[in-house]
């Protein structure tokens, strides 16, 4: 019996379905609404369902797996080259069938509810942090126009502005005092919300052994550890530490032709949020290394790279090292051990 492959182009209300019983041929086309989507698969024989890893795809993947089907989620950017001529729902579904035939394309693992819950907490926190930062920058810029300069640091803005509001003799106009007070209250409210989400992540991390192991690595904190577990999923799909660092976009971009080969800047592929967290962790490792009298082997290596290549390149090199260390700790299920500097 021939294997059946079904490509689904997900949308908000109407889904495009293409059924193929042999490679390169679409034998059946259907267009169903969201309410009738699962009923289409209930009485069908077991098949391989191909979808793009986009909004709501993980939910539908879990529902289809409950019906016994095998689900393959493809990264959207690798499906686009297989879409011929005009981009429509039908050509998108046909492009998924063609991309599925390319065995070099690695599918995206289906996330479970716990992973998506942690991911949602991180996304909401990032939104609140961005809103808080926007209001802080607004206050700093507006008081600068009045000749009032606030020292560097996000934590110094609200206390200075509140002091200006309470001081009747300050240079702050009376028309702005009430407005600025409300903005300060908004910033404090966002800080309280952010702390609440971090508390939720801290409580969830205690129930996740992998997060506890990752927290033993220098430069890996609560946010980075929980984000890695939620967004990466299964570390076993990476056969080496370099493949994992490449997945995060922390390896050099390769350009070559003939006998010419050039290694450029990092590729910046993969999840931008994870790469940013690892970069921040690398900065903390480098800062801590400069303050230690006897740095361990990792931090001593970081200082050597810093002395040769400068701060920015050393930061990215340390982030690459942290990604490889994460792979080793996670892969072998063992804590990170700090070794003294080699003689």
Protein backbone atom coordinates (compact mmCIF):
# COMPACT_ATOMS: atom_id res chain seq x y z
CA UNK A 1 0.00 0.00 0.00
CA UNK A 2 1.32 3.44 -0.95
CA UNK A 3 2.07 5.91 1.80
CA UNK A 4 -0.30 8.86 1.97
CA UNK A 5 1.02 12.36 2.62
CA UNK A 6 -1.40 15.18 3.42
CA UNK A 7 -0.26 18.81 3.32
CA UNK A 8 -2.29 21.37 5.26
CA UNK A 9 -2.04 25.13 4.81
CA UNK A 10 -3.26 26.51 8.13
CA UNK A 11 -5.26 29.75 8.33
CA UNK A 12 -7.60 31.40 10.81
CA UNK A 13 -10.85 30.11 9.35
CA UNK A 14 -10.30 28.10 6.14
CA UNK A 15 -7.68 25.35 5.68
CA UNK A 16 -6.34 24.15 2.33
CA UNK A 17 -5.65 20.38 2.16
CA UNK A 18 -3.68 18.52 -0.52
CA UNK A 19 -3.59 14.70 -0.47
CA UNK A 20 -0.78 12.86 -2.25
CA UNK A 21 -0.47 9.07 -2.64
CA UNK A 22 2.78 9.21 -4.61
CA UNK A 23 5.62 11.77 -4.65
CA UNK A 24 5.08 14.80 -6.85
CA UNK A 25 1.37 14.21 -7.51
CA UNK A 26 -1.61 15.84 -5.78
CA UNK A 27 -4.49 13.35 -5.98
CA UNK A 28 -7.07 15.26 -3.95
CA UNK A 29 -7.68 18.87 -2.99
CA UNK A 30 -10.05 19.97 -0.26
CA UNK A 31 -10.88 23.29 1.36
CA UNK A 32 -12.46 22.95 4.80
CA UNK A 33 -13.39 25.31 7.59
CA UNK A 34 -11.72 25.26 10.98
CA UNK A 35 -14.74 23.59 12.62
CA UNK A 36 -14.70 20.70 10.12
CA UNK A 37 -10.92 20.30 9.98
CA UNK A 38 -10.54 17.44 12.48
CA UNK A 39 -13.59 15.61 11.17
CA UNK A 40 -11.84 15.37 7.80
CA UNK A 41 -9.12 13.20 9.39
CA UNK A 42 -11.29 11.09 11.70
CA UNK A 43 -12.27 8.38 9.19
CA UNK A 44 -9.17 8.58 6.99
CA UNK A 45 -6.42 5.93 7.06
CA UNK A 46 -3.27 6.72 9.00
CA UNK A 47 -1.21 9.24 7.04
CA UNK A 48 1.69 11.67 7.32
CA UNK A 49 0.39 15.21 7.79
CA UNK A 50 2.74 18.01 6.77
CA UNK A 51 2.24 21.57 8.05
CA UNK A 52 4.26 24.72 8.47
CA UNK A 53 5.41 25.52 12.01
CA UNK A 54 3.32 28.67 12.36
CA UNK A 55 0.54 30.00 14.57
CA UNK A 56 -1.67 27.25 16.11
CA UNK A 57 0.27 24.52 14.24
CA UNK A 58 1.43 22.83 17.46
CA UNK A 59 -2.16 22.67 18.72
CA UNK A 60 -3.42 21.03 15.53
CA UNK A 61 -0.40 18.71 15.51
CA UNK A 62 -1.26 17.42 18.99
CA UNK A 63 -4.89 16.90 17.99
CA UNK A 64 -3.92 15.00 14.83
CA UNK A 65 -1.47 12.83 16.77
CA UNK A 66 -4.33 11.85 19.07
CA UNK A 67 -6.11 10.51 15.97
CA UNK A 68 -3.08 8.35 15.15
CA UNK A 69 -1.59 10.41 12.32
CA UNK A 70 2.11 11.26 12.05
CA UNK A 71 2.66 15.02 11.98
CA UNK A 72 5.67 16.77 10.44
CA UNK A 73 6.14 20.49 11.04
CA UNK A 74 8.40 22.25 8.53
CA UNK A 75 10.06 25.65 9.09
CA UNK A 76 8.17 28.19 6.94
CA UNK A 77 11.30 29.76 5.46
CA UNK A 78 12.40 26.46 3.91
CA UNK A 79 8.99 25.85 2.32
CA UNK A 80 8.90 29.20 0.51
CA UNK A 81 11.46 28.26 -2.21
CA UNK A 82 9.23 25.32 -3.23
CA UNK A 83 6.21 27.56 -3.87
CA UNK A 84 6.03 28.05 -7.65
CA UNK A 85 4.66 31.13 -9.40
CA UNK A 86 1.90 32.91 -7.48
CA UNK A 87 1.59 32.39 -3.74
CA UNK A 88 -1.84 30.93 -2.99
CA UNK A 89 -3.17 28.41 -0.50
CA UNK A 90 -3.03 25.66 -3.11
CA UNK A 91 0.56 26.42 -4.15
CA UNK A 92 1.55 26.61 -0.46
CA UNK A 93 0.16 23.12 0.15
CA UNK A 94 1.90 21.80 -2.97
CA UNK A 95 5.15 23.45 -1.82
CA UNK A 96 4.92 21.63 1.53
CA UNK A 97 4.66 18.29 -0.27
CA UNK A 98 7.77 19.11 -2.30
CA UNK A 99 9.71 20.38 0.74
CA UNK A 100 8.82 17.22 2.68
CA UNK A 101 10.61 15.15 0.02
CA UNK A 102 13.88 16.94 0.84
CA UNK A 103 15.37 14.85 3.63
CA UNK A 104 17.95 17.55 4.43
CA UNK A 105 15.20 19.73 5.90
CA UNK A 106 14.92 19.11 9.63
CA UNK A 107 11.34 19.20 10.99
CA UNK A 108 10.33 21.23 14.04
CA UNK A 109 9.42 19.11 17.08
CA UNK A 110 5.83 19.33 18.25
CA UNK A 111 5.67 21.24 21.53
CA UNK A 112 3.61 19.98 24.43
CA UNK A 113 1.37 22.10 26.64
CA UNK A 114 4.08 22.65 29.28
CA UNK A 115 6.56 23.94 26.72
CA UNK A 116 4.04 26.28 25.16
CA UNK A 117 3.02 27.58 28.60
CA UNK A 118 6.60 28.51 29.44
CA UNK A 119 7.05 30.05 26.01
CA UNK A 120 3.91 32.14 26.52
CA UNK A 121 5.23 33.41 29.87
CA UNK A 122 8.45 34.49 28.20
CA UNK A 123 6.61 36.24 25.37
CA UNK A 124 4.34 38.15 27.76
CA UNK A 125 7.32 39.13 29.91
CA UNK A 126 9.20 40.41 26.84
CA UNK A 127 6.17 42.50 25.88
CA UNK A 128 5.96 44.04 29.34
CA UNK A 129 9.71 44.69 29.44
CA UNK A 130 9.46 46.49 26.09
CA UNK A 131 6.53 48.59 27.33
CA UNK A 132 8.40 49.46 30.53
CA UNK A 133 11.50 50.42 28.56
CA UNK A 134 9.46 52.62 26.20
CA UNK A 135 7.96 54.57 29.09
CA UNK A 136 11.34 54.95 30.81
CA UNK A 137 12.87 56.31 27.61
CA UNK A 138 9.92 58.65 27.16
CA UNK A 139 10.34 60.11 30.65
CA UNK A 140 14.10 60.44 30.26
CA UNK A 141 13.76 62.21 26.93
CA UNK A 142 11.01 64.60 28.04
CA UNK A 143 12.79 65.79 31.18
CA UNK A 144 15.97 66.22 29.16
CA UNK A 145 14.09 68.74 27.02
CA UNK A 146 13.49 70.71 30.23
CA UNK A 147 17.18 70.71 31.10
CA UNK A 148 16.94 67.88 33.65
CA UNK A 149 19.40 65.03 33.10
CA UNK A 150 18.90 61.64 34.75
CA UNK A 151 21.91 59.37 35.40
CA UNK A 152 22.34 56.21 33.35
CA UNK A 153 20.31 53.26 34.59
CA UNK A 154 16.68 52.24 34.25
CA UNK A 155 16.24 51.98 38.02
CA UNK A 156 17.16 55.65 38.51
CA UNK A 157 14.46 57.18 36.31
CA UNK A 158 11.35 56.72 38.46
CA UNK A 159 12.93 57.87 41.77
CA UNK A 160 14.33 61.02 40.14
CA UNK A 161 11.05 61.89 38.40
CA UNK A 162 9.02 61.29 41.58
CA UNK A 163 11.42 63.53 43.48
CA UNK A 164 10.94 66.24 40.87
CA UNK A 165 7.16 65.90 41.14
CA UNK A 166 7.19 66.20 44.94
CA UNK A 167 9.58 69.17 44.89
CA UNK A 168 7.47 72.29 44.39
CA UNK A 169 10.57 74.34 43.47
CA UNK A 170 11.84 71.94 40.78
CA UNK A 171 12.10 72.88 37.10
CA UNK A 172 9.26 70.51 36.23
CA UNK A 173 6.17 72.46 35.04
CA UNK A 174 2.96 71.99 36.98
CA UNK A 175 1.13 70.89 33.82
CA UNK A 176 3.33 67.79 33.57
CA UNK A 177 3.40 66.65 37.18
CA UNK A 178 0.15 64.63 37.12
CA UNK A 179 0.96 63.06 33.74
CA UNK A 180 4.48 62.07 34.76
CA UNK A 181 3.17 60.64 38.01
CA UNK A 182 0.82 58.34 36.10
CA UNK A 183 3.67 57.21 33.85
CA UNK A 184 5.75 56.39 36.93
CA UNK A 185 2.86 54.35 38.32
CA UNK A 186 2.66 52.48 35.00
CA UNK A 187 6.36 51.66 35.18
CA UNK A 188 6.03 50.38 38.75
CA UNK A 189 3.01 48.31 37.70
CA UNK A 190 4.98 46.73 34.83
CA UNK A 191 7.85 45.95 37.21
CA UNK A 192 5.41 44.19 39.54
CA UNK A 193 3.98 42.15 36.65
CA UNK A 194 7.45 41.19 35.42
CA UNK A 195 8.42 40.04 38.92
CA UNK A 196 5.24 37.96 39.08
CA UNK A 197 6.07 36.12 35.85
CA UNK A 198 9.62 35.50 37.03
CA UNK A 199 8.15 34.02 40.20
CA UNK A 200 6.00 31.69 38.10
CA UNK A 201 9.02 30.61 36.07
CA UNK A 202 10.99 30.02 39.26
CA UNK A 203 8.24 27.80 40.64
CA UNK A 204 7.99 25.82 37.39
CA UNK A 205 11.76 25.39 37.16
CA UNK A 206 11.86 23.48 40.44
CA UNK A 207 9.74 20.77 38.82
CA UNK A 208 12.00 20.48 35.74
CA UNK A 209 15.25 18.53 36.30
CA UNK A 210 16.78 19.80 33.06
CA UNK A 211 16.42 23.41 34.18
CA UNK A 212 18.10 22.58 37.49
CA UNK A 213 21.07 21.11 35.60
CA UNK A 214 21.37 24.08 33.25
CA UNK A 215 21.38 26.52 36.16
CA UNK A 216 24.76 25.09 37.24
CA UNK A 217 26.40 26.59 34.12
CA UNK A 218 27.95 30.06 34.53
CA UNK A 219 26.01 32.68 32.61
CA UNK A 220 22.85 30.55 32.45
CA UNK A 221 20.13 31.98 34.63
CA UNK A 222 16.47 31.29 35.20
CA UNK A 223 15.25 32.98 32.00
CA UNK A 224 17.83 31.33 29.74
CA UNK A 225 17.37 27.85 31.23
CA UNK A 226 13.58 27.85 31.02
CA UNK A 227 13.60 29.38 27.53
CA UNK A 228 16.01 26.70 26.30
CA UNK A 229 13.85 23.88 27.63
CA UNK A 230 10.68 25.42 26.19
CA UNK A 231 11.97 26.44 22.75
CA UNK A 232 14.52 23.70 22.01
CA UNK A 233 12.52 20.75 23.30
CA UNK A 234 14.59 17.62 22.66
CA UNK A 235 18.37 18.10 22.75
CA UNK A 236 18.93 14.58 21.37
CA UNK A 237 18.11 15.78 17.85
CA UNK A 238 21.44 17.65 17.73
CA UNK A 239 24.26 15.21 17.09
CA UNK A 240 27.03 17.55 18.27
CA UNK A 241 27.57 20.75 20.22
CA UNK A 242 28.50 22.59 17.03
CA UNK A 243 25.19 21.67 15.42
CA UNK A 244 23.39 23.09 18.46
CA UNK A 245 25.41 26.33 18.32
CA UNK A 246 24.69 26.53 14.59
CA UNK A 247 20.98 26.05 15.30
CA UNK A 248 21.13 29.12 17.55
CA UNK A 249 22.94 31.17 14.90
CA UNK A 250 26.20 31.50 16.88
CA UNK A 251 28.54 29.96 14.28
CA UNK A 252 30.28 31.83 11.43
CA UNK A 253 28.52 32.25 8.11
CA UNK A 254 30.32 30.26 5.42
CA UNK A 255 30.75 31.63 1.90
CA UNK A 256 32.80 29.80 -0.68
CA UNK A 257 33.23 29.09 -4.36
CA UNK A 258 35.88 26.93 -5.95
CA UNK A 259 39.08 27.20 -3.93
CA UNK A 260 37.94 30.36 -2.13
CA UNK A 261 36.46 29.88 1.33
CA UNK A 262 35.50 32.69 3.69
CA UNK A 263 34.20 32.59 7.27
CA UNK A 264 32.26 35.75 8.07
CA UNK A 265 30.20 37.02 10.96
CA UNK A 266 27.75 34.77 12.81
CA UNK A 267 24.76 33.55 10.82
CA UNK A 268 22.12 34.91 13.28
CA UNK A 269 19.78 32.10 12.30
CA UNK A 270 17.45 30.37 14.71
CA UNK A 271 15.56 31.96 17.58
CA UNK A 272 16.61 35.56 18.20
CA UNK A 273 15.36 35.50 21.80
CA UNK A 274 17.54 32.53 22.79
CA UNK A 275 20.57 34.07 21.10
CA UNK A 276 20.02 37.34 22.97
CA UNK A 277 19.75 35.56 26.33
CA UNK A 278 22.98 33.64 25.72
CA UNK A 279 24.72 36.85 24.68
CA UNK A 280 23.62 38.59 27.89
CA UNK A 281 24.85 35.57 29.84
CA UNK A 282 28.20 35.77 28.05
CA UNK A 283 28.54 39.42 29.08
CA UNK A 284 27.96 38.49 32.71
CA UNK A 285 30.61 35.75 32.49
CA UNK A 286 33.12 38.21 31.05
CA UNK A 287 32.29 40.85 33.66
CA UNK A 288 32.61 38.33 36.50
CA UNK A 289 35.89 36.99 35.11
CA UNK A 290 37.49 40.43 35.26
CA UNK A 291 36.64 40.75 38.96
CA UNK A 292 37.90 37.33 40.10
CA UNK A 293 41.37 36.94 41.59
CA UNK A 294 41.63 33.31 40.49
CA UNK A 295 39.24 32.68 37.59
CA UNK A 296 38.42 29.10 36.67
CA UNK A 297 39.25 27.54 33.31
CA UNK A 298 36.17 28.90 31.52
CA UNK A 299 36.60 32.47 32.72
CA UNK A 300 40.36 32.41 32.16
CA UNK A 301 39.70 31.39 28.55
CA UNK A 302 37.17 34.23 28.28
CA UNK A 303 39.78 36.75 29.46
CA UNK A 304 42.31 35.47 26.92
CA UNK A 305 39.81 35.88 24.09
CA UNK A 306 38.95 39.35 25.38
CA UNK A 307 42.60 40.42 25.38
CA UNK A 308 43.08 39.22 21.79
CA UNK A 309 39.80 40.08 20.09
CA UNK A 310 38.09 42.79 22.12
CA UNK A 311 34.84 42.91 24.06
CA UNK A 312 32.21 42.30 21.36
CA UNK A 313 33.90 39.38 19.62
CA UNK A 314 34.79 37.85 22.97
CA UNK A 315 31.14 38.09 24.04
CA UNK A 316 29.95 36.15 20.98
CA UNK A 317 32.72 33.58 21.43
CA UNK A 318 31.66 33.04 25.04
CA UNK A 319 28.02 32.75 23.97
CA UNK A 320 29.07 30.04 21.51
CA UNK A 321 30.97 28.30 24.30
CA UNK A 322 27.94 28.50 26.59
CA UNK A 323 25.73 26.96 23.90
CA UNK A 324 28.15 24.05 23.53
CA UNK A 325 28.29 23.65 27.31
CA UNK A 326 24.49 23.62 27.46
CA UNK A 327 24.45 20.83 24.87
CA UNK A 328 26.97 18.74 26.84
CA UNK A 329 25.23 19.19 30.21
CA UNK A 330 21.80 18.52 28.73
CA UNK A 331 22.91 15.66 26.49
CA UNK A 332 24.77 13.74 29.21
CA UNK A 333 22.39 14.74 32.03
CA UNK A 334 25.16 15.88 34.35
CA UNK A 335 25.95 19.04 36.27
CA UNK A 336 28.53 21.54 35.10
CA UNK A 337 31.86 21.19 36.90
CA UNK A 338 34.15 24.15 37.28
CA UNK A 339 37.84 23.31 36.89
CA UNK A 340 40.74 25.49 38.05
CA UNK A 341 42.86 27.31 35.51
CA UNK A 342 45.42 25.02 33.88
CA UNK A 343 48.99 25.58 34.93
